Amino acid sequence: MPSFKTPTQQQIDTAVQRMRSPEFAAYFLSRLENPEWITPLLKSQLFASPPPAVTDASGGICYPHWPASRYLARMASHSPSEVAAIFGGLKTNNPSVIGDILDAALRMPDEIAIKLVPIVCQAAQDGTFWMRFKDAS
């Protein structure tokens, strides 16, 4: 198992402040491969608000990717309990985020992934799940 360095408070403060910029947040989180950042980012409320589905003026719907959920999905094999706890508490109508939750569940031991069943079932009932069936025709 790889060894990861715990971020310093200064590193955390700097990153959180810079993540006010969506571009920096996307860049930083897409490259972050250290699960030791999960707890500090959770405390900073980074995982509190997944982006909702957005309806544009013409009635089209956009499902924005959420760099935070992609980071968590990648970290699920390293810190499955933490990731499951965060994802298990989310409410979202965004199929992109639901996809990241499913990706995370696939990287976790079954006994932890089962905690995500309620959010996956809710997504299936709400119709939020449809994008995951791209190969079903």
Protein backbone atom coordinates (compact mmCIF):
# COMPACT_ATOMS: atom_id res chain seq x y z
CA MET A 1 0.00 0.00 0.00
CA PRO A 2 1.39 3.42 -0.91
CA SER A 3 2.37 5.90 1.76
CA PHE A 4 0.74 9.32 1.62
CA LYS A 5 1.82 12.55 3.29
CA THR A 6 -0.67 14.37 5.47
CA PRO A 7 -1.10 17.93 4.18
CA THR A 8 -0.04 20.77 6.46
CA GLN A 9 -2.57 23.30 7.66
CA GLN A 10 -0.91 25.92 5.47
CA GLN A 11 -1.27 23.68 2.40
CA ILE A 12 -4.92 23.05 3.24
CA ASP A 13 -5.68 26.74 3.79
CA THR A 14 -3.95 27.74 0.56
CA ALA A 15 -5.70 25.07 -1.51
CA VAL A 16 -9.14 25.79 -0.03
CA GLN A 17 -8.74 29.52 -0.64
CA ARG A 18 -7.62 28.95 -4.24
CA MET A 19 -10.45 26.48 -4.85
CA ARG A 20 -12.86 29.40 -4.77
CA SER A 21 -11.89 29.54 -8.43
CA PRO A 22 -13.76 26.72 -10.23
CA GLU A 23 -10.89 26.41 -12.69
CA PHE A 24 -8.33 25.92 -9.93
CA ALA A 25 -10.61 23.47 -8.12
CA ALA A 26 -11.00 21.40 -11.29
CA TYR A 27 -7.26 21.45 -11.95
CA PHE A 28 -6.24 20.67 -8.36
CA LEU A 29 -8.78 17.91 -7.76
CA SER A 30 -8.15 16.24 -11.11
CA ARG A 31 -4.50 15.78 -10.15
CA LEU A 32 -4.88 15.08 -6.44
CA GLU A 33 -4.05 11.43 -5.71
CA ASN A 34 -3.66 11.63 -1.94
CA PRO A 35 -6.50 10.35 0.28
CA GLU A 36 -5.08 12.28 3.25
CA TRP A 37 -6.83 15.35 1.82
CA ILE A 38 -10.34 13.87 2.20
CA THR A 39 -10.90 14.88 5.84
CA PRO A 40 -9.52 18.43 5.52
CA LEU A 41 -11.57 19.02 2.37
CA LEU A 42 -14.65 17.60 4.07
CA LYS A 43 -14.13 19.99 7.00
CA SER A 44 -13.89 22.88 4.54
CA GLN A 45 -17.34 21.91 3.14
CA LEU A 46 -15.93 21.10 -0.30
CA PHE A 47 -18.13 18.02 -0.59
CA ALA A 48 -21.34 19.70 0.65
CA SER A 49 -22.95 20.89 -2.59
CA PRO A 50 -22.83 18.81 -5.76
CA PRO A 51 -23.86 20.80 -8.83
CA PRO A 52 -27.47 20.20 -9.85
CA ALA A 53 -28.67 19.45 -13.33
CA VAL A 54 -29.02 22.77 -15.16
CA THR A 55 -31.80 23.67 -17.59
CA ASP A 56 -30.82 26.23 -20.23
CA ALA A 57 -33.05 28.83 -21.92
CA SER A 58 -33.97 26.46 -24.75
CA GLY A 59 -35.08 23.77 -22.30
CA GLY A 60 -31.99 21.61 -22.74
CA ILE A 61 -30.46 20.01 -19.68
CA CYS A 62 -26.77 20.01 -18.78
CA TYR A 63 -25.20 17.70 -16.21
CA PRO A 64 -22.01 19.41 -14.98
CA HIS A 65 -19.14 17.24 -13.87
CA TRP A 66 -18.10 17.75 -10.26
CA PRO A 67 -14.34 17.56 -9.71
CA ALA A 68 -14.90 16.75 -6.02
CA SER A 69 -16.93 13.60 -6.77
CA ARG A 70 -14.37 12.47 -9.32
CA TYR A 71 -11.62 12.88 -6.71
CA LEU A 72 -13.64 10.90 -4.17
CA ALA A 73 -14.30 8.13 -6.70
CA ARG A 74 -10.56 7.80 -7.30
CA MET A 75 -9.89 7.69 -3.55
CA ALA A 76 -12.52 5.02 -2.85
CA SER A 77 -9.99 2.20 -3.02
CA HIS A 78 -7.74 3.95 -0.48
CA SER A 79 -10.35 5.31 1.96
CA PRO A 80 -13.59 3.47 1.24
CA SER A 81 -15.33 4.18 4.55
CA GLU A 82 -14.72 7.93 4.34
CA VAL A 83 -15.82 8.10 0.72
CA ALA A 84 -18.94 6.03 1.38
CA ALA A 85 -19.89 8.26 4.32
CA ILE A 86 -19.56 11.40 2.18
CA PHE A 87 -21.39 10.02 -0.84
CA GLY A 88 -24.06 8.41 1.32
CA GLY A 89 -25.05 11.82 2.65
CA LEU A 90 -25.38 13.57 -0.71
CA LYS A 91 -28.60 14.56 -2.41
CA THR A 92 -28.24 15.11 -6.15
CA ASN A 93 -30.20 14.98 -9.39
CA ASN A 94 -27.01 15.03 -11.46
CA PRO A 95 -26.31 11.79 -13.36
CA SER A 96 -22.64 12.74 -13.65
CA VAL A 97 -22.29 12.74 -9.86
CA ILE A 98 -24.32 9.52 -9.58
CA GLY A 99 -21.87 7.98 -12.06
CA ASP A 100 -18.96 8.94 -9.81
CA ILE A 101 -20.76 7.38 -6.85
CA LEU A 102 -21.14 4.15 -8.81
CA ASP A 103 -17.49 4.24 -9.85
CA ALA A 104 -16.53 4.66 -6.19
CA ALA A 105 -18.76 1.76 -5.12
CA LEU A 106 -17.02 -0.51 -7.63
CA ARG A 107 -13.67 0.32 -6.03
CA MET A 108 -14.81 -0.46 -2.47
CA PRO A 109 -15.17 -3.70 -0.57
CA ASP A 110 -18.76 -4.96 -0.82
CA GLU A 111 -19.45 -4.51 2.89
CA ILE A 112 -18.75 -0.78 2.53
CA ALA A 113 -20.22 -0.25 -0.95
CA ILE A 114 -23.56 -1.56 0.30
CA LYS A 115 -23.93 1.69 2.27
CA LEU A 116 -24.39 3.45 -1.08
CA VAL A 117 -27.37 1.31 -2.10
CA PRO A 118 -29.96 3.86 -0.85
CA ILE A 119 -28.56 6.71 -2.95
CA VAL A 120 -28.26 4.46 -6.01
CA CYS A 121 -31.83 3.18 -5.56
CA GLN A 122 -33.11 6.74 -5.17
CA ALA A 123 -31.31 7.73 -8.37
CA ALA A 124 -32.89 4.79 -10.20
CA GLN A 125 -36.36 5.75 -8.93
CA ASP A 126 -35.86 9.41 -9.87
CA GLY A 127 -34.57 8.58 -13.35
CA THR A 128 -31.18 10.09 -12.55
CA PHE A 129 -29.52 6.81 -13.41
CA TRP A 130 -30.18 6.70 -17.15
CA MET A 131 -26.79 7.95 -18.34
CA ARG A 132 -25.09 4.86 -16.88
CA PHE A 133 -26.91 2.70 -19.40
CA LYS A 134 -25.14 4.08 -22.49
CA ASP A 135 -24.45 0.59 -23.83
CA ALA A 136 -27.95 -0.78 -23.32
CA SER A 137 -29.81 -0.61 -26.62
